[in-house]
Full PDB file with SEQRES, HELIX, SHEET, SSBOND, CRYST1, ORIGX, SCALE, CONECT and MASTER records, all heavy atoms in Angstrom:
SEQRES   1 A   34  ASP GLN ASN GLN ILE ALA SER PHE TYR THR GLY ALA MET          
SEQRES   2 A   34  GLU GLU ALA ARG PHE ILE GLU LEU ALA PRO ILE ALA ASP          
SEQRES   3 A   34  ARG LEU GLY GLY LEU ASP LEU VAL                              
HELIX    1 AA1 GLY A   11  PHE A   18  5                                   8    
HELIX    2 AA2 LEU A   21  LEU A   28  1                                   8    
CRYST1    1.000    1.000    1.000  90.00  90.00  90.00 P 1           1          
ORIGX1      1.000000  0.000000  0.000000        0.00000                         
ORIGX2      0.000000  1.000000  0.000000        0.00000                         
ORIGX3      0.000000  0.000000  1.000000        0.00000                         
SCALE1      1.000000  0.000000  0.000000        0.00000                         
SCALE2      0.000000  1.000000  0.000000        0.00000                         
SCALE3      0.000000  0.000000  1.000000        0.00000                         
ATOM      1  N   ASP A   1     -33.970  62.092  71.505  1.00  0.00           N  
ATOM      2  CA  ASP A   1     -33.782  62.648  70.167  1.00  0.00           C  
ATOM      3  C   ASP A   1     -32.932  61.749  69.280  1.00  0.00           C  
ATOM      4  O   ASP A   1     -32.524  62.160  68.193  1.00  0.00           O  
ATOM      5  CB  ASP A   1     -33.142  64.038  70.253  1.00  0.00           C  
ATOM      6  CG  ASP A   1     -34.098  65.070  70.827  1.00  0.00           C  
ATOM      7  OD1 ASP A   1     -35.324  64.877  70.694  1.00  0.00           O  
ATOM      8  OD2 ASP A   1     -33.620  66.064  71.402  1.00  0.00           O  
ATOM      9  N   GLN A   2     -32.643  60.530  69.750  1.00  0.00           N  
ATOM     10  CA  GLN A   2     -31.806  59.578  69.030  1.00  0.00           C  
ATOM     11  C   GLN A   2     -30.346  60.022  68.975  1.00  0.00           C  
ATOM     12  O   GLN A   2     -29.560  59.515  68.163  1.00  0.00           O  
ATOM     13  CB  GLN A   2     -32.332  59.305  67.606  1.00  0.00           C  
ATOM     14  CG  GLN A   2     -33.777  58.836  67.565  1.00  0.00           C  
ATOM     15  CD  GLN A   2     -33.976  57.462  68.171  1.00  0.00           C  
ATOM     16  OE1 GLN A   2     -33.500  56.471  67.641  1.00  0.00           O  
ATOM     17  NE2 GLN A   2     -34.684  57.408  69.293  1.00  0.00           N  
ATOM     18  N   ASN A   3     -29.949  60.973  69.816  1.00  0.00           N  
ATOM     19  CA  ASN A   3     -28.538  61.303  69.984  1.00  0.00           C  
ATOM     20  C   ASN A   3     -27.898  60.245  70.866  1.00  0.00           C  
ATOM     21  O   ASN A   3     -28.557  59.652  71.726  1.00  0.00           O  
ATOM     22  CB  ASN A   3     -28.371  62.690  70.615  1.00  0.00           C  
ATOM     23  CG  ASN A   3     -28.866  63.790  69.706  1.00  0.00           C  
ATOM     24  OD1 ASN A   3     -28.584  63.799  68.511  1.00  0.00           O  
ATOM     25  ND2 ASN A   3     -29.637  64.719  70.259  1.00  0.00           N  
ATOM     26  N   GLN A   4     -26.598  60.040  70.657  1.00  0.00           N  
ATOM     27  CA  GLN A   4     -25.929  58.957  71.364  1.00  0.00           C  
ATOM     28  C   GLN A   4     -24.580  59.395  71.934  1.00  0.00           C  
ATOM     29  O   GLN A   4     -23.880  60.228  71.346  1.00  0.00           O  
ATOM     30  CB  GLN A   4     -25.696  57.770  70.422  1.00  0.00           C  
ATOM     31  CG  GLN A   4     -26.983  57.130  69.909  1.00  0.00           C  
ATOM     32  CD  GLN A   4     -26.717  55.960  68.994  1.00  0.00           C  
ATOM     33  OE1 GLN A   4     -25.902  56.032  68.080  1.00  0.00           O  
ATOM     34  NE2 GLN A   4     -27.399  54.860  69.236  1.00  0.00           N  
ATOM     35  N   ILE A   5     -24.233  58.808  73.065  1.00  0.00           N  
ATOM     36  CA  ILE A   5     -22.880  58.873  73.613  1.00  0.00           C  
ATOM     37  C   ILE A   5     -22.419  57.431  73.781  1.00  0.00           C  
ATOM     38  O   ILE A   5     -23.124  56.607  74.374  1.00  0.00           O  
ATOM     39  CB  ILE A   5     -22.831  59.624  74.952  1.00  0.00           C  
ATOM     40  CG1 ILE A   5     -23.117  61.110  74.727  1.00  0.00           C  
ATOM     41  CG2 ILE A   5     -21.475  59.440  75.628  1.00  0.00           C  
ATOM     42  CD1 ILE A   5     -23.062  61.939  75.984  1.00  0.00           C  
ATOM     43  N   ALA A   6     -21.232  57.118  73.256  1.00  0.00           N  
ATOM     44  CA  ALA A   6     -20.795  55.725  73.243  1.00  0.00           C  
ATOM     45  C   ALA A   6     -19.320  55.601  73.595  1.00  0.00           C  
ATOM     46  O   ALA A   6     -18.532  56.541  73.433  1.00  0.00           O  
ATOM     47  CB  ALA A   6     -21.061  55.110  71.870  1.00  0.00           C  
ATOM     48  N   SER A   7     -18.968  54.422  74.068  1.00  0.00           N  
ATOM     49  CA  SER A   7     -17.571  54.047  74.305  1.00  0.00           C  
ATOM     50  C   SER A   7     -17.351  52.671  73.688  1.00  0.00           C  
ATOM     51  O   SER A   7     -18.279  51.854  73.610  1.00  0.00           O  
ATOM     52  CB  SER A   7     -17.261  53.999  75.805  1.00  0.00           C  
ATOM     53  OG  SER A   7     -17.443  55.259  76.409  1.00  0.00           O  
ATOM     54  N   PHE A   8     -16.116  52.416  73.264  1.00  0.00           N  
ATOM     55  CA  PHE A   8     -15.803  51.142  72.617  1.00  0.00           C  
ATOM     56  C   PHE A   8     -14.522  50.583  73.223  1.00  0.00           C  
ATOM     57  O   PHE A   8     -13.478  51.238  73.214  1.00  0.00           O  
ATOM     58  CB  PHE A   8     -15.631  51.335  71.104  1.00  0.00           C  
ATOM     59  CG  PHE A   8     -15.596  50.049  70.326  1.00  0.00           C  
ATOM     60  CD1 PHE A   8     -16.761  49.504  69.810  1.00  0.00           C  
ATOM     61  CD2 PHE A   8     -14.405  49.378  70.105  1.00  0.00           C  
ATOM     62  CE1 PHE A   8     -16.739  48.311  69.103  1.00  0.00           C  
ATOM     63  CE2 PHE A   8     -14.369  48.190  69.399  1.00  0.00           C  
ATOM     64  CZ  PHE A   8     -15.546  47.659  68.887  1.00  0.00           C  
ATOM     65  N   TYR A   9     -14.627  49.371  73.779  1.00  0.00           N  
ATOM     66  CA  TYR A   9     -13.455  48.661  74.301  1.00  0.00           C  
ATOM     67  C   TYR A   9     -12.934  47.737  73.215  1.00  0.00           C  
ATOM     68  O   TYR A   9     -13.657  46.870  72.720  1.00  0.00           O  
ATOM     69  CB  TYR A   9     -13.832  47.866  75.549  1.00  0.00           C  
ATOM     70  CG  TYR A   9     -12.813  46.815  75.923  1.00  0.00           C  
ATOM     71  CD1 TYR A   9     -11.544  47.169  76.377  1.00  0.00           C  
ATOM     72  CD2 TYR A   9     -13.119  45.454  75.804  1.00  0.00           C  
ATOM     73  CE1 TYR A   9     -10.607  46.201  76.706  1.00  0.00           C  
ATOM     74  CE2 TYR A   9     -12.186  44.479  76.131  1.00  0.00           C  
ATOM     75  CZ  TYR A   9     -10.933  44.860  76.582  1.00  0.00           C  
ATOM     76  OH  TYR A   9      -9.995  43.905  76.903  1.00  0.00           O  
ATOM     77  N   THR A  10     -11.686  47.910  72.835  1.00  0.00           N  
ATOM     78  CA  THR A  10     -11.123  47.189  71.693  1.00  0.00           C  
ATOM     79  C   THR A  10     -11.020  45.691  71.944  1.00  0.00           C  
ATOM     80  O   THR A  10     -11.415  44.867  71.115  1.00  0.00           O  
ATOM     81  CB  THR A  10      -9.739  47.752  71.349  1.00  0.00           C  
ATOM     82  OG1 THR A  10      -9.861  49.134  71.060  1.00  0.00           O  
ATOM     83  CG2 THR A  10      -9.141  47.032  70.170  1.00  0.00           C  
ATOM     84  N   GLY A  11     -10.442  45.303  73.058  1.00  0.00           N  
ATOM     85  CA  GLY A  11     -10.280  43.884  73.356  1.00  0.00           C  
ATOM     86  C   GLY A  11      -9.555  43.129  72.262  1.00  0.00           C  
ATOM     87  O   GLY A  11      -8.533  43.585  71.735  1.00  0.00           O  
ATOM     88  N   ALA A  12     -10.106  41.994  71.874  1.00  0.00           N  
ATOM     89  CA  ALA A  12      -9.460  41.121  70.890  1.00  0.00           C  
ATOM     90  C   ALA A  12      -9.389  41.744  69.502  1.00  0.00           C  
ATOM     91  O   ALA A  12      -8.604  41.279  68.658  1.00  0.00           O  
ATOM     92  CB  ALA A  12     -10.207  39.790  70.816  1.00  0.00           C  
ATOM     93  N   MET A  13     -10.165  42.777  69.253  1.00  0.00           N  
ATOM     94  CA  MET A  13     -10.172  43.395  67.920  1.00  0.00           C  
ATOM     95  C   MET A  13      -8.780  43.806  67.475  1.00  0.00           C  
ATOM     96  O   MET A  13      -8.476  43.821  66.277  1.00  0.00           O  
ATOM     97  CB  MET A  13     -11.105  44.596  67.913  1.00  0.00           C  
ATOM     98  CG  MET A  13     -11.394  45.168  66.534  1.00  0.00           C  
ATOM     99  SD  MET A  13     -12.495  46.612  66.601  1.00  0.00           S  
ATOM    100  CE  MET A  13     -11.319  47.896  67.035  1.00  0.00           C  
ATOM    101  N   GLU A  14      -7.908  44.134  68.433  1.00  0.00           N  
ATOM    102  CA  GLU A  14      -6.546  44.551  68.095  1.00  0.00           C  
ATOM    103  C   GLU A  14      -5.803  43.496  67.287  1.00  0.00           C  
ATOM    104  O   GLU A  14      -4.911  43.813  66.500  1.00  0.00           O  
ATOM    105  CB  GLU A  14      -5.775  44.856  69.386  1.00  0.00           C  
ATOM    106  CG  GLU A  14      -4.363  45.369  69.171  1.00  0.00           C  
ATOM    107  CD  GLU A  14      -3.675  45.703  70.467  1.00  0.00           C  
ATOM    108  OE1 GLU A  14      -4.371  46.127  71.418  1.00  0.00           O  
ATOM    109  OE2 GLU A  14      -2.446  45.543  70.548  1.00  0.00           O  
ATOM    110  N   GLU A  15      -6.173  42.239  67.446  1.00  0.00           N  
ATOM    111  CA  GLU A  15      -5.476  41.164  66.751  1.00  0.00           C  
ATOM    112  C   GLU A  15      -5.946  40.978  65.313  1.00  0.00           C  
ATOM    113  O   GLU A  15      -5.447  40.099  64.596  1.00  0.00           O  
ATOM    114  CB  GLU A  15      -5.613  39.859  67.543  1.00  0.00           C  
ATOM    115  CG  GLU A  15      -4.964  39.945  68.921  1.00  0.00           C  
ATOM    116  CD  GLU A  15      -5.026  38.653  69.710  1.00  0.00           C  
ATOM    117  OE1 GLU A  15      -5.190  37.578  69.083  1.00  0.00           O  
ATOM    118  OE2 GLU A  15      -4.906  38.702  70.945  1.00  0.00           O  
ATOM    119  N   ALA A  16      -6.887  41.800  64.861  1.00  0.00           N  
ATOM    120  CA  ALA A  16      -7.300  41.742  63.456  1.00  0.00           C  
ATOM    121  C   ALA A  16      -6.142  42.062  62.524  1.00  0.00           C  
ATOM    122  O   ALA A  16      -6.142  41.654  61.359  1.00  0.00           O  
ATOM    123  CB  ALA A  16      -8.454  42.711  63.209  1.00  0.00           C  
ATOM    124  N   ARG A  17      -5.144  42.774  63.031  1.00  0.00           N  
ATOM    125  CA  ARG A  17      -3.981  43.124  62.214  1.00  0.00           C  
ATOM    126  C   ARG A  17      -3.175  41.908  61.780  1.00  0.00           C  
ATOM    127  O   ARG A  17      -2.367  41.982  60.859  1.00  0.00           O  
ATOM    128  CB  ARG A  17      -3.076  44.082  62.985  1.00  0.00           C  
ATOM    129  CG  ARG A  17      -2.426  43.500  64.218  1.00  0.00           C  
ATOM    130  CD  ARG A  17      -1.666  44.528  65.015  1.00  0.00           C  
ATOM    131  NE  ARG A  17      -2.541  45.571  65.534  1.00  0.00           N  
ATOM    132  CZ  ARG A  17      -2.092  46.639  66.195  1.00  0.00           C  
ATOM    133  NH1 ARG A  17      -0.784  46.794  66.400  1.00  0.00           N  
ATOM    134  NH2 ARG A  17      -2.942  47.535  66.648  1.00  0.00           N  
ATOM    135  N   PHE A  18      -3.398  40.768  62.434  1.00  0.00           N  
ATOM    136  CA  PHE A  18      -2.648  39.562  62.103  1.00  0.00           C  
ATOM    137  C   PHE A  18      -3.349  38.698  61.058  1.00  0.00           C  
ATOM    138  O   PHE A  18      -2.820  37.677  60.639  1.00  0.00           O  
ATOM    139  CB  PHE A  18      -2.402  38.724  63.365  1.00  0.00           C  
ATOM    140  CG  PHE A  18      -1.698  39.466  64.458  1.00  0.00           C  
ATOM    141  CD1 PHE A  18      -2.221  39.513  65.743  1.00  0.00           C  
ATOM    142  CD2 PHE A  18      -0.505  40.133  64.207  1.00  0.00           C  
ATOM    143  CE1 PHE A  18      -1.569  40.204  66.754  1.00  0.00           C  
ATOM    144  CE2 PHE A  18       0.156  40.826  65.206  1.00  0.00           C  
ATOM    145  CZ  PHE A  18      -0.376  40.860  66.483  1.00  0.00           C  
ATOM    146  N   ILE A  19      -4.545  39.086  60.643  1.00  0.00           N  
ATOM    147  CA  ILE A  19      -5.307  38.286  59.682  1.00  0.00           C  
ATOM    148  C   ILE A  19      -4.888  38.641  58.258  1.00  0.00           C  
ATOM    149  O   ILE A  19      -4.869  39.809  57.873  1.00  0.00           O  
ATOM    150  CB  ILE A  19      -6.812  38.529  59.853  1.00  0.00           C  
ATOM    151  CG1 ILE A  19      -7.259  38.194  61.280  1.00  0.00           C  
ATOM    152  CG2 ILE A  19      -7.608  37.698  58.850  1.00  0.00           C  
ATOM    153  CD1 ILE A  19      -8.699  38.564  61.574  1.00  0.00           C  
ATOM    154  N   GLU A  20      -4.584  37.632  57.478  1.00  0.00           N  
ATOM    155  CA  GLU A  20      -4.176  37.826  56.081  1.00  0.00           C  
ATOM    156  C   GLU A  20      -5.322  37.420  55.160  1.00  0.00           C  
ATOM    157  O   GLU A  20      -5.986  36.398  55.375  1.00  0.00           O  
ATOM    158  CB  GLU A  20      -2.931  36.978  55.781  1.00  0.00           C  
ATOM    159  CG  GLU A  20      -2.343  37.198  54.413  1.00  0.00           C  
ATOM    160  CD  GLU A  20      -1.085  36.377  54.179  1.00  0.00           C  
ATOM    161  OE1 GLU A  20      -0.673  35.657  55.114  1.00  0.00           O  
ATOM    162  OE2 GLU A  20      -0.531  36.447  53.067  1.00  0.00           O  
ATOM    163  N   LEU A  21      -5.550  38.220  54.127  1.00  0.00           N  
ATOM    164  CA  LEU A  21      -6.668  37.949  53.222  1.00  0.00           C  
ATOM    165  C   LEU A  21      -6.359  36.857  52.193  1.00  0.00           C  
ATOM    166  O   LEU A  21      -7.285  36.172  51.729  1.00  0.00           O  
ATOM    167  CB  LEU A  21      -7.062  39.230  52.480  1.00  0.00           C  
ATOM    168  CG  LEU A  21      -7.658  40.364  53.329  1.00  0.00           C  
ATOM    169  CD1 LEU A  21      -7.992  41.548  52.441  1.00  0.00           C  
ATOM    170  CD2 LEU A  21      -8.892  39.897  54.090  1.00  0.00           C  
ATOM    171  N   ALA A  22      -5.101  36.686  51.824  1.00  0.00           N  
ATOM    172  CA  ALA A  22      -4.762  35.731  50.762  1.00  0.00           C  
ATOM    173  C   ALA A  22      -5.253  34.315  51.049  1.00  0.00           C  
ATOM    174  O   ALA A  22      -5.844  33.671  50.160  1.00  0.00           O  
ATOM    175  CB  ALA A  22      -3.253  35.744  50.505  1.00  0.00           C  
ATOM    176  N   PRO A  23      -5.056  33.761  52.254  1.00  0.00           N  
ATOM    177  CA  PRO A  23      -5.586  32.414  52.509  1.00  0.00           C  
ATOM    178  C   PRO A  23      -7.105  32.342  52.421  1.00  0.00           C  
ATOM    179  O   PRO A  23      -7.664  31.300  52.050  1.00  0.00           O  
ATOM    180  CB  PRO A  23      -5.096  32.117  53.940  1.00  0.00           C  
ATOM    181  CG  PRO A  23      -3.916  33.003  54.146  1.00  0.00           C  
ATOM    182  CD  PRO A  23      -4.244  34.251  53.390  1.00  0.00           C  
ATOM    183  N   ILE A  24      -7.780  33.435  52.766  1.00  0.00           N  
ATOM    184  CA  ILE A  24      -9.236  33.465  52.665  1.00  0.00           C  
ATOM    185  C   ILE A  24      -9.646  33.414  51.196  1.00  0.00           C  
ATOM    186  O   ILE A  24     -10.557  32.673  50.814  1.00  0.00           O  
ATOM    187  CB  ILE A  24      -9.787  34.724  53.345  1.00  0.00           C  
ATOM    188  CG1 ILE A  24      -9.394  34.742  54.833  1.00  0.00           C  
ATOM    189  CG2 ILE A  24     -11.307  34.809  53.188  1.00  0.00           C  
ATOM    190  CD1 ILE A  24      -9.704  36.045  55.527  1.00  0.00           C  
ATOM    191  N   ALA A  25      -8.953  34.193  50.374  1.00  0.00           N  
ATOM    192  CA  ALA A  25      -9.234  34.178  48.938  1.00  0.00           C  
ATOM    193  C   ALA A  25      -8.974  32.793  48.350  1.00  0.00           C  
ATOM    194  O   ALA A  25      -9.739  32.299  47.510  1.00  0.00           O  
ATOM    195  CB  ALA A  25      -8.395  35.232  48.230  1.00  0.00           C  
ATOM    196  N   ASP A  26      -7.900  32.148  48.798  1.00  0.00           N  
ATOM    197  CA  ASP A  26      -7.593  30.797  48.304  1.00  0.00           C  
ATOM    198  C   ASP A  26      -8.693  29.814  48.683  1.00  0.00           C  
ATOM    199  O   ASP A  26      -9.085  28.963  47.874  1.00  0.00           O  
ATOM    200  CB  ASP A  26      -6.254  30.325  48.882  1.00  0.00           C  
ATOM    201  CG  ASP A  26      -5.060  31.082  48.308  1.00  0.00           C  
ATOM    202  OD1 ASP A  26      -5.220  31.723  47.248  1.00  0.00           O  
ATOM    203  OD2 ASP A  26      -3.975  31.036  48.925  1.00  0.00           O  
ATOM    204  N   ARG A  27      -9.195  29.934  49.901  1.00  0.00           N  
ATOM    205  CA  ARG A  27     -10.251  29.012  50.358  1.00  0.00           C  
ATOM    206  C   ARG A  27     -11.520  29.161  49.539  1.00  0.00           C  
ATOM    207  O   ARG A  27     -12.227  28.184  49.266  1.00  0.00           O  
ATOM    208  CB  ARG A  27     -10.537  29.270  51.840  1.00  0.00           C  
ATOM    209  CG  ARG A  27     -11.693  28.457  52.408  1.00  0.00           C  
ATOM    210  CD  ARG A  27     -11.776  28.553  53.921  1.00  0.00           C  
ATOM    211  NE  ARG A  27     -12.194  29.857  54.393  1.00  0.00           N  
ATOM    212  CZ  ARG A  27     -13.458  30.239  54.529  1.00  0.00           C  
ATOM    213  NH1 ARG A  27     -14.437  29.412  54.185  1.00  0.00           N  
ATOM    214  NH2 ARG A  27     -13.768  31.434  54.999  1.00  0.00           N  
ATOM    215  N   LEU A  28     -11.815  30.394  49.120  1.00  0.00           N  
ATOM    216  CA  LEU A  28     -13.060  30.675  48.403  1.00  0.00           C  
ATOM    217  C   LEU A  28     -12.911  30.599  46.889  1.00  0.00           C  
ATOM    218  O   LEU A  28     -13.890  30.738  46.161  1.00  0.00           O  
ATOM    219  CB  LEU A  28     -13.566  32.067  48.772  1.00  0.00           C  
ATOM    220  CG  LEU A  28     -13.928  32.280  50.242  1.00  0.00           C  
ATOM    221  CD1 LEU A  28     -14.260  33.735  50.483  1.00  0.00           C  
ATOM    222  CD2 LEU A  28     -15.091  31.397  50.640  1.00  0.00           C  
ATOM    223  N   GLY A  29     -11.677  30.416  46.424  1.00  0.00           N  
ATOM    224  CA  GLY A  29     -11.455  30.459  44.984  1.00  0.00           C  
ATOM    225  C   GLY A  29     -11.442  31.868  44.444  1.00  0.00           C  
ATOM    226  O   GLY A  29     -11.727  32.109  43.272  1.00  0.00           O  
ATOM    227  N   GLY A  30     -11.105  32.825  45.305  1.00  0.00           N  
ATOM    228  CA  GLY A  30     -11.023  34.229  44.915  1.00  0.00           C  
ATOM    229  C   GLY A  30     -12.011  35.084  45.681  1.00  0.00           C  
ATOM    230  O   GLY A  30     -12.962  34.570  46.286  1.00  0.00           O  
ATOM    231  N   LEU A  31     -11.761  36.385  45.678  1.00  0.00           N  
ATOM    232  CA  LEU A  31     -12.658  37.355  46.288  1.00  0.00           C  
ATOM    233  C   LEU A  31     -13.021  38.406  45.249  1.00  0.00           C  
ATOM    234  O   LEU A  31     -12.150  38.888  44.521  1.00  0.00           O  
ATOM    235  CB  LEU A  31     -11.989  38.037  47.487  1.00  0.00           C  
ATOM    236  CG  LEU A  31     -11.850  37.209  48.765  1.00  0.00           C  
ATOM    237  CD1 LEU A  31     -10.948  37.935  49.768  1.00  0.00           C  
ATOM    238  CD2 LEU A  31     -13.221  36.942  49.385  1.00  0.00           C  
ATOM    239  N   ASP A  32     -14.292  38.762  45.174  1.00  0.00           N  
ATOM    240  CA  ASP A  32     -14.738  39.805  44.251  1.00  0.00           C  
ATOM    241  C   ASP A  32     -14.746  41.176  44.908  1.00  0.00           C  
ATOM    242  O   ASP A  32     -14.562  42.192  44.238  1.00  0.00           O  
ATOM    243  CB  ASP A  32     -16.146  39.488  43.741  1.00  0.00           C  
ATOM    244  CG  ASP A  32     -16.197  38.198  42.947  1.00  0.00           C  
ATOM    245  OD1 ASP A  32     -15.348  38.029  42.059  1.00  0.00           O  
ATOM    246  OD2 ASP A  32     -17.076  37.363  43.226  1.00  0.00           O  
ATOM    247  N   LEU A  33     -14.983  41.206  46.216  1.00  0.00           N  
ATOM    248  CA  LEU A  33     -15.123  42.479  46.903  1.00  0.00           C  
ATOM    249  C   LEU A  33     -14.786  42.295  48.377  1.00  0.00           C  
ATOM    250  O   LEU A  33     -15.205  41.312  48.996  1.00  0.00           O  
ATOM    251  CB  LEU A  33     -16.562  42.998  46.768  1.00  0.00           C  
ATOM    252  CG  LEU A  33     -16.880  44.376  47.334  1.00  0.00           C  
ATOM    253  CD1 LEU A  33     -16.141  45.468  46.548  1.00  0.00           C  
ATOM    254  CD2 LEU A  33     -18.384  44.635  47.291  1.00  0.00           C  
ATOM    255  N   VAL A  34     -14.035  43.252  48.921  1.00  0.00           N  
ATOM    256  CA  VAL A  34     -13.707  43.252  50.351  1.00  0.00           C  
ATOM    257  C   VAL A  34     -14.217  44.552  50.957  1.00  0.00           C  
ATOM    258  O   VAL A  34     -13.934  45.637  50.443  1.00  0.00           O  
ATOM    259  CB  VAL A  34     -12.195  43.119  50.591  1.00  0.00           C  
ATOM    260  CG1 VAL A  34     -11.866  43.283  52.071  1.00  0.00           C  
ATOM    261  CG2 VAL A  34     -11.688  41.768  50.084  1.00  0.00           C  
TER     262      VAL A  34                                                      
MASTER        0    0    0    2    0    0    0    6  261    1    0    3          
END                                                                             
């Protein structure tokens, strides 16, 4: 029936908290949408 049961292991995703957007915007010359 297209119903789902799922589990998600975080792993390295936890380190996304250390990523800063400002250097990314500088590299691209700005960001229009995040």
